All heavy atoms as atom14 arrays in JSON, in Angstrom:
{
  "sequence": "VVCLMLLRSDHLLMAQVADPLRTNQSIKHPANTT",
  "atom14_mask": [
    [1, 1, 1, 1, 1, 1, 1, 0, 0, 0, 0, 0, 0, 0],
    [1, 1, 1, 1, 1, 1, 1, 0, 0, 0, 0, 0, 0, 0],
    [1, 1, 1, 1, 1, 1, 0, 0, 0, 0, 0, 0, 0, 0],
    [1, 1, 1, 1, 1, 1, 1, 1, 0, 0, 0, 0, 0, 0],
    [1, 1, 1, 1, 1, 1, 1, 1, 0, 0, 0, 0, 0, 0],
    [1, 1, 1, 1, 1, 1, 1, 1, 0, 0, 0, 0, 0, 0],
    [1, 1, 1, 1, 1, 1, 1, 1, 0, 0, 0, 0, 0, 0],
    [1, 1, 1, 1, 1, 1, 1, 1, 1, 1, 1, 0, 0, 0],
    [1, 1, 1, 1, 1, 1, 0, 0, 0, 0, 0, 0, 0, 0],
    [1, 1, 1, 1, 1, 1, 1, 1, 0, 0, 0, 0, 0, 0],
    [1, 1, 1, 1, 1, 1, 1, 1, 1, 1, 0, 0, 0, 0],
    [1, 1, 1, 1, 1, 1, 1, 1, 0, 0, 0, 0, 0, 0],
    [1, 1, 1, 1, 1, 1, 1, 1, 0, 0, 0, 0, 0, 0],
    [1, 1, 1, 1, 1, 1, 1, 1, 0, 0, 0, 0, 0, 0],
    [1, 1, 1, 1, 1, 0, 0, 0, 0, 0, 0, 0, 0, 0],
    [1, 1, 1, 1, 1, 1, 1, 1, 1, 0, 0, 0, 0, 0],
    [1, 1, 1, 1, 1, 1, 1, 0, 0, 0, 0, 0, 0, 0],
    [1, 1, 1, 1, 1, 0, 0, 0, 0, 0, 0, 0, 0, 0],
    [1, 1, 1, 1, 1, 1, 1, 1, 0, 0, 0, 0, 0, 0],
    [1, 1, 1, 1, 1, 1, 1, 0, 0, 0, 0, 0, 0, 0],
    [1, 1, 1, 1, 1, 1, 1, 1, 0, 0, 0, 0, 0, 0],
    [1, 1, 1, 1, 1, 1, 1, 1, 1, 1, 1, 0, 0, 0],
    [1, 1, 1, 1, 1, 1, 1, 0, 0, 0, 0, 0, 0, 0],
    [1, 1, 1, 1, 1, 1, 1, 1, 0, 0, 0, 0, 0, 0],
    [1, 1, 1, 1, 1, 1, 1, 1, 1, 0, 0, 0, 0, 0],
    [1, 1, 1, 1, 1, 1, 0, 0, 0, 0, 0, 0, 0, 0],
    [1, 1, 1, 1, 1, 1, 1, 1, 0, 0, 0, 0, 0, 0],
    [1, 1, 1, 1, 1, 1, 1, 1, 1, 0, 0, 0, 0, 0],
    [1, 1, 1, 1, 1, 1, 1, 1, 1, 1, 0, 0, 0, 0],
    [1, 1, 1, 1, 1, 1, 1, 0, 0, 0, 0, 0, 0, 0],
    [1, 1, 1, 1, 1, 0, 0, 0, 0, 0, 0, 0, 0, 0],
    [1, 1, 1, 1, 1, 1, 1, 1, 0, 0, 0, 0, 0, 0],
    [1, 1, 1, 1, 1, 1, 1, 0, 0, 0, 0, 0, 0, 0],
    [1, 1, 1, 1, 1, 1, 1, 0, 0, 0, 0, 0, 0, 0]
  ],
  "atom14_positions": [
    [[-6.83, 43.1, 23.34], [-7.01, 41.63, 23.35], [-6.22, 41.0, 22.23], [-5.56, 39.96, 22.41], [-8.51, 41.3, 23.25], [-8.69, 39.81, 23.02], [-9.26, 41.75, 24.49], [0.0, 0.0, 0.0], [0.0, 0.0, 0.0], [0.0, 0.0, 0.0], [0.0, 0.0, 0.0], [0.0, 0.0, 0.0], [0.0, 0.0, 0.0], [0.0, 0.0, 0.0]],
    [[-6.26, 41.61, 21.04], [-5.5, 41.05, 19.9], [-4.0, 41.06, 20.19], [-3.29, 40.1, 19.89], [-5.84, 41.84, 18.63], [-4.91, 41.43, 17.48], [-7.28, 41.62, 18.22], [0.0, 0.0, 0.0], [0.0, 0.0, 0.0], [0.0, 0.0, 0.0], [0.0, 0.0, 0.0], [0.0, 0.0, 0.0], [0.0, 0.0, 0.0], [0.0, 0.0, 0.0]],
    [[-3.51, 42.15, 20.78], [-2.07, 42.22, 21.11], [-1.67, 41.14, 22.09], [-0.62, 40.51, 21.98], [-1.75, 43.62, 21.66], [-1.86, 44.92, 20.39], [0.0, 0.0, 0.0], [0.0, 0.0, 0.0], [0.0, 0.0, 0.0], [0.0, 0.0, 0.0], [0.0, 0.0, 0.0], [0.0, 0.0, 0.0], [0.0, 0.0, 0.0], [0.0, 0.0, 0.0]],
    [[-2.51, 40.92, 23.11], [-2.21, 39.86, 24.08], [-2.17, 38.5, 23.43], [-1.34, 37.65, 23.74], [-3.26, 39.91, 25.2], [-3.17, 41.1, 26.17], [-4.36, 41.07, 27.14], [-1.86, 41.04, 26.94], [0.0, 0.0, 0.0], [0.0, 0.0, 0.0], [0.0, 0.0, 0.0], [0.0, 0.0, 0.0], [0.0, 0.0, 0.0], [0.0, 0.0, 0.0]],
    [[-3.12, 38.25, 22.49], [-3.15, 36.96, 21.81], [-1.9, 36.77, 20.94], [-1.32, 35.67, 20.87], [-4.41, 36.86, 20.95], [-5.72, 36.78, 21.75], [-7.19, 36.75, 20.7], [-6.95, 35.17, 19.88], [0.0, 0.0, 0.0], [0.0, 0.0, 0.0], [0.0, 0.0, 0.0], [0.0, 0.0, 0.0], [0.0, 0.0, 0.0], [0.0, 0.0, 0.0]],
    [[-1.46, 37.85, 20.3], [-0.24, 37.75, 19.49], [1.0, 37.49, 20.34], [1.87, 36.67, 20.0], [-0.06, 39.03, 18.67], [-1.06, 39.24, 17.54], [-0.86, 40.62, 16.9], [-0.95, 38.14, 16.49], [0.0, 0.0, 0.0], [0.0, 0.0, 0.0], [0.0, 0.0, 0.0], [0.0, 0.0, 0.0], [0.0, 0.0, 0.0], [0.0, 0.0, 0.0]],
    [[1.09, 38.18, 21.47], [2.22, 37.95, 22.38], [2.23, 36.52, 22.9], [3.27, 35.87, 23.05], [2.16, 38.96, 23.53], [2.48, 40.41, 23.17], [2.23, 41.32, 24.39], [3.91, 40.54, 22.7], [0.0, 0.0, 0.0], [0.0, 0.0, 0.0], [0.0, 0.0, 0.0], [0.0, 0.0, 0.0], [0.0, 0.0, 0.0], [0.0, 0.0, 0.0]],
    [[1.01, 36.02, 23.2], [0.9, 34.64, 23.7], [1.36, 33.65, 22.64], [2.05, 32.67, 22.94], [-0.55, 34.37, 24.12], [-0.82, 32.98, 24.63], [-0.05, 32.7, 25.9], [-0.36, 31.38, 26.43], [0.28, 30.8, 27.45], [1.29, 31.46, 28.04], [-0.07, 29.61, 27.88], [0.0, 0.0, 0.0], [0.0, 0.0, 0.0], [0.0, 0.0, 0.0]],
    [[0.99, 33.86, 21.39], [1.37, 32.96, 20.29], [2.88, 32.97, 20.09], [3.51, 31.92, 19.9], [0.66, 33.38, 19.0], [-0.74, 33.29, 19.15], [0.0, 0.0, 0.0], [0.0, 0.0, 0.0], [0.0, 0.0, 0.0], [0.0, 0.0, 0.0], [0.0, 0.0, 0.0], [0.0, 0.0, 0.0], [0.0, 0.0, 0.0], [0.0, 0.0, 0.0]],
    [[3.48, 34.19, 20.14], [4.94, 34.27, 19.99], [5.66, 33.53, 21.11], [6.68, 32.86, 20.9], [5.38, 35.74, 19.98], [4.92, 36.45, 18.71], [4.62, 35.72, 17.74], [4.87, 37.69, 18.72], [0.0, 0.0, 0.0], [0.0, 0.0, 0.0], [0.0, 0.0, 0.0], [0.0, 0.0, 0.0], [0.0, 0.0, 0.0], [0.0, 0.0, 0.0]],
    [[5.16, 33.62, 22.32], [5.79, 32.95, 23.46], [5.74, 31.44, 23.3], [6.72, 30.73, 23.57], [5.07, 33.41, 24.74], [5.61, 32.72, 25.97], [6.84, 33.03, 26.51], [5.06, 31.72, 26.73], [7.04, 32.26, 27.56], [5.98, 31.46, 27.72], [0.0, 0.0, 0.0], [0.0, 0.0, 0.0], [0.0, 0.0, 0.0], [0.0, 0.0, 0.0]],
    [[4.58, 30.92, 22.87], [4.45, 29.46, 22.68], [5.37, 28.98, 21.57], [5.97, 27.9, 21.65], [2.99, 29.1, 22.36], [1.99, 29.28, 23.51], [0.57, 29.01, 23.01], [2.32, 28.36, 24.68], [0.0, 0.0, 0.0], [0.0, 0.0, 0.0], [0.0, 0.0, 0.0], [0.0, 0.0, 0.0], [0.0, 0.0, 0.0], [0.0, 0.0, 0.0]],
    [[5.51, 29.75, 20.51], [6.37, 29.35, 19.4], [7.83, 29.3, 19.83], [8.57, 28.37, 19.5], [6.2, 30.35, 18.25], [7.04, 30.07, 16.98], [6.68, 28.7, 16.41], [6.82, 31.15, 15.94], [0.0, 0.0, 0.0], [0.0, 0.0, 0.0], [0.0, 0.0, 0.0], [0.0, 0.0, 0.0], [0.0, 0.0, 0.0], [0.0, 0.0, 0.0]],
    [[8.25, 30.3, 20.58], [9.63, 30.32, 21.06], [9.91, 29.14, 22.0], [10.99, 28.55, 21.99], [9.91, 31.65, 21.79], [9.92, 32.86, 20.86], [11.21, 32.77, 19.61], [12.64, 32.83, 20.68], [0.0, 0.0, 0.0], [0.0, 0.0, 0.0], [0.0, 0.0, 0.0], [0.0, 0.0, 0.0], [0.0, 0.0, 0.0], [0.0, 0.0, 0.0]],
    [[8.92, 28.78, 22.81], [9.1, 27.65, 23.73], [9.25, 26.35, 22.97], [10.06, 25.48, 23.32], [7.91, 27.58, 24.69], [0.0, 0.0, 0.0], [0.0, 0.0, 0.0], [0.0, 0.0, 0.0], [0.0, 0.0, 0.0], [0.0, 0.0, 0.0], [0.0, 0.0, 0.0], [0.0, 0.0, 0.0], [0.0, 0.0, 0.0], [0.0, 0.0, 0.0]],
    [[8.47, 26.19, 21.88], [8.57, 24.96, 21.09], [9.92, 24.84, 20.39], [10.44, 23.77, 20.2], [7.43, 24.93, 20.06], [6.06, 24.74, 20.67], [4.95, 24.82, 19.64], [5.22, 25.06, 18.46], [3.73, 24.64, 20.08], [0.0, 0.0, 0.0], [0.0, 0.0, 0.0], [0.0, 0.0, 0.0], [0.0, 0.0, 0.0], [0.0, 0.0, 0.0]],
    [[10.46, 25.97, 19.96], [11.78, 25.95, 19.31], [12.88, 25.67, 20.31], [13.84, 24.96, 20.04], [12.02, 27.29, 18.59], [13.45, 27.36, 18.05], [11.03, 27.45, 17.46], [0.0, 0.0, 0.0], [0.0, 0.0, 0.0], [0.0, 0.0, 0.0], [0.0, 0.0, 0.0], [0.0, 0.0, 0.0], [0.0, 0.0, 0.0], [0.0, 0.0, 0.0]],
    [[12.79, 26.19, 21.51], [13.85, 26.07, 22.51], [13.87, 24.7, 23.17], [14.91, 24.21, 23.57], [13.7, 27.17, 23.57], [0.0, 0.0, 0.0], [0.0, 0.0, 0.0], [0.0, 0.0, 0.0], [0.0, 0.0, 0.0], [0.0, 0.0, 0.0], [0.0, 0.0, 0.0], [0.0, 0.0, 0.0], [0.0, 0.0, 0.0], [0.0, 0.0, 0.0]],
    [[12.7, 24.06, 23.28], [12.64, 22.77, 24.0], [13.53, 21.7, 23.36], [14.25, 20.99, 24.06], [11.2, 22.29, 24.09], [10.43, 23.0, 25.2], [11.1, 23.61, 26.07], [9.19, 22.93, 25.2], [0.0, 0.0, 0.0], [0.0, 0.0, 0.0], [0.0, 0.0, 0.0], [0.0, 0.0, 0.0], [0.0, 0.0, 0.0], [0.0, 0.0, 0.0]],
    [[13.5, 21.5, 22.05], [14.4, 20.49, 21.47], [15.85, 20.78, 21.72], [16.65, 19.88, 21.92], [14.06, 20.55, 19.97], [12.69, 21.12, 19.9], [12.61, 22.09, 21.02], [0.0, 0.0, 0.0], [0.0, 0.0, 0.0], [0.0, 0.0, 0.0], [0.0, 0.0, 0.0], [0.0, 0.0, 0.0], [0.0, 0.0, 0.0], [0.0, 0.0, 0.0]],
    [[16.22, 22.1, 21.72], [17.62, 22.44, 21.99], [18.02, 22.06, 23.39], [19.08, 21.49, 23.64], [17.84, 23.94, 21.75], [17.65, 24.41, 20.3], [17.8, 25.94, 20.24], [18.65, 23.73, 19.39], [0.0, 0.0, 0.0], [0.0, 0.0, 0.0], [0.0, 0.0, 0.0], [0.0, 0.0, 0.0], [0.0, 0.0, 0.0], [0.0, 0.0, 0.0]],
    [[17.13, 22.36, 24.36], [17.43, 22.0, 25.74], [17.47, 20.5, 25.93], [18.27, 19.96, 26.68], [16.37, 22.64, 26.68], [16.52, 24.16, 26.82], [15.75, 24.65, 28.04], [14.32, 24.33, 27.93], [13.41, 25.17, 27.45], [13.78, 26.36, 26.97], [12.14, 24.82, 27.42], [0.0, 0.0, 0.0], [0.0, 0.0, 0.0], [0.0, 0.0, 0.0]],
    [[16.54, 19.82, 25.22], [16.51, 18.36, 25.34], [17.79, 17.74, 24.83], [18.37, 16.84, 25.43], [15.31, 17.78, 24.56], [14.11, 18.37, 25.06], [15.24, 16.27, 24.7], [0.0, 0.0, 0.0], [0.0, 0.0, 0.0], [0.0, 0.0, 0.0], [0.0, 0.0, 0.0], [0.0, 0.0, 0.0], [0.0, 0.0, 0.0], [0.0, 0.0, 0.0]],
    [[18.28, 18.24, 23.67], [19.51, 17.71, 23.1], [20.71, 17.99, 23.99], [21.62, 17.17, 24.13], [19.76, 18.3, 21.7], [18.73, 17.81, 20.7], [18.15, 16.74, 20.88], [18.51, 18.6, 19.64], [0.0, 0.0, 0.0], [0.0, 0.0, 0.0], [0.0, 0.0, 0.0], [0.0, 0.0, 0.0], [0.0, 0.0, 0.0], [0.0, 0.0, 0.0]],
    [[20.73, 19.18, 24.6], [21.85, 19.52, 25.46], [21.85, 18.73, 26.75], [22.89, 18.5, 27.36], [21.82, 21.02, 25.78], [22.1, 21.9, 24.57], [21.91, 23.37, 24.89], [21.5, 23.71, 26.01], [22.21, 24.22, 23.93], [0.0, 0.0, 0.0], [0.0, 0.0, 0.0], [0.0, 0.0, 0.0], [0.0, 0.0, 0.0], [0.0, 0.0, 0.0]],
    [[20.65, 18.31, 27.2], [20.56, 17.61, 28.49], [20.84, 16.13, 28.37], [20.94, 15.45, 29.38], [19.16, 17.82, 29.1], [18.17, 17.24, 28.25], [0.0, 0.0, 0.0], [0.0, 0.0, 0.0], [0.0, 0.0, 0.0], [0.0, 0.0, 0.0], [0.0, 0.0, 0.0], [0.0, 0.0, 0.0], [0.0, 0.0, 0.0], [0.0, 0.0, 0.0]],
    [[20.92, 15.61, 27.13], [21.18, 14.18, 26.97], [22.63, 13.91, 27.33], [23.54, 14.53, 26.8], [20.91, 13.72, 25.53], [19.41, 13.85, 25.22], [21.37, 12.28, 25.32], [19.07, 13.5, 23.78], [0.0, 0.0, 0.0], [0.0, 0.0, 0.0], [0.0, 0.0, 0.0], [0.0, 0.0, 0.0], [0.0, 0.0, 0.0], [0.0, 0.0, 0.0]],
    [[22.84, 13.01, 28.23], [24.19, 12.64, 28.66], [24.53, 11.29, 28.08], [23.83, 10.31, 28.33], [24.29, 12.6, 30.19], [24.08, 13.94, 30.84], [24.24, 13.84, 32.33], [24.05, 15.18, 33.0], [24.19, 15.09, 34.46], [0.0, 0.0, 0.0], [0.0, 0.0, 0.0], [0.0, 0.0, 0.0], [0.0, 0.0, 0.0], [0.0, 0.0, 0.0]],
    [[25.6, 11.24, 27.34], [26.02, 9.98, 26.74], [26.83, 9.18, 27.75], [27.75, 9.72, 28.37], [26.88, 10.24, 25.5], [26.12, 10.98, 24.44], [25.23, 10.34, 23.59], [26.1, 12.3, 24.1], [24.71, 11.24, 22.76], [25.21, 12.43, 23.07], [0.0, 0.0, 0.0], [0.0, 0.0, 0.0], [0.0, 0.0, 0.0], [0.0, 0.0, 0.0]],
    [[26.48, 7.93, 27.96], [27.25, 7.13, 28.91], [28.67, 6.95, 28.44], [28.94, 6.96, 27.24], [26.49, 5.78, 28.94], [25.76, 5.73, 27.63], [25.41, 7.15, 27.31], [0.0, 0.0, 0.0], [0.0, 0.0, 0.0], [0.0, 0.0, 0.0], [0.0, 0.0, 0.0], [0.0, 0.0, 0.0], [0.0, 0.0, 0.0], [0.0, 0.0, 0.0]],
    [[29.57, 6.79, 29.4], [30.98, 6.59, 29.08], [31.15, 5.3, 28.3], [30.5, 4.3, 28.59], [31.81, 6.53, 30.37], [0.0, 0.0, 0.0], [0.0, 0.0, 0.0], [0.0, 0.0, 0.0], [0.0, 0.0, 0.0], [0.0, 0.0, 0.0], [0.0, 0.0, 0.0], [0.0, 0.0, 0.0], [0.0, 0.0, 0.0], [0.0, 0.0, 0.0]],
    [[31.99, 5.35, 27.33], [32.22, 4.18, 26.49], [33.12, 3.2, 27.23], [34.32, 3.39, 27.36], [32.89, 4.6, 25.18], [33.06, 3.43, 24.24], [32.46, 2.38, 24.45], [33.91, 3.62, 23.22], [0.0, 0.0, 0.0], [0.0, 0.0, 0.0], [0.0, 0.0, 0.0], [0.0, 0.0, 0.0], [0.0, 0.0, 0.0], [0.0, 0.0, 0.0]],
    [[32.49, 2.16, 27.78], [33.23, 1.18, 28.56], [33.58, -0.06, 27.76], [34.17, -0.99, 28.27], [32.42, 0.75, 29.79], [31.16, 0.22, 29.34], [32.17, 1.93, 30.71], [0.0, 0.0, 0.0], [0.0, 0.0, 0.0], [0.0, 0.0, 0.0], [0.0, 0.0, 0.0], [0.0, 0.0, 0.0], [0.0, 0.0, 0.0], [0.0, 0.0, 0.0]],
    [[33.2, -0.06, 26.48], [33.49, -1.22, 25.64], [34.91, -1.13, 25.14], [35.3, -0.13, 24.55], [32.52, -1.29, 24.45], [31.18, -1.32, 24.95], [32.79, -2.54, 23.61], [0.0, 0.0, 0.0], [0.0, 0.0, 0.0], [0.0, 0.0, 0.0], [0.0, 0.0, 0.0], [0.0, 0.0, 0.0], [0.0, 0.0, 0.0], [0.0, 0.0, 0.0]]
  ]
}
C-alpha cells in the first residue's frame, strides 16, 4: 500500500510539472497584422 501511494504521488507531481510546459507550447500567437 505504501509503495502504491508513493507511485501515485510521483505521478501527480510529474503531471503538475508537465502541464505548464504543454500549456506554454500550445499557446499560438496571432500573426502580427499591425
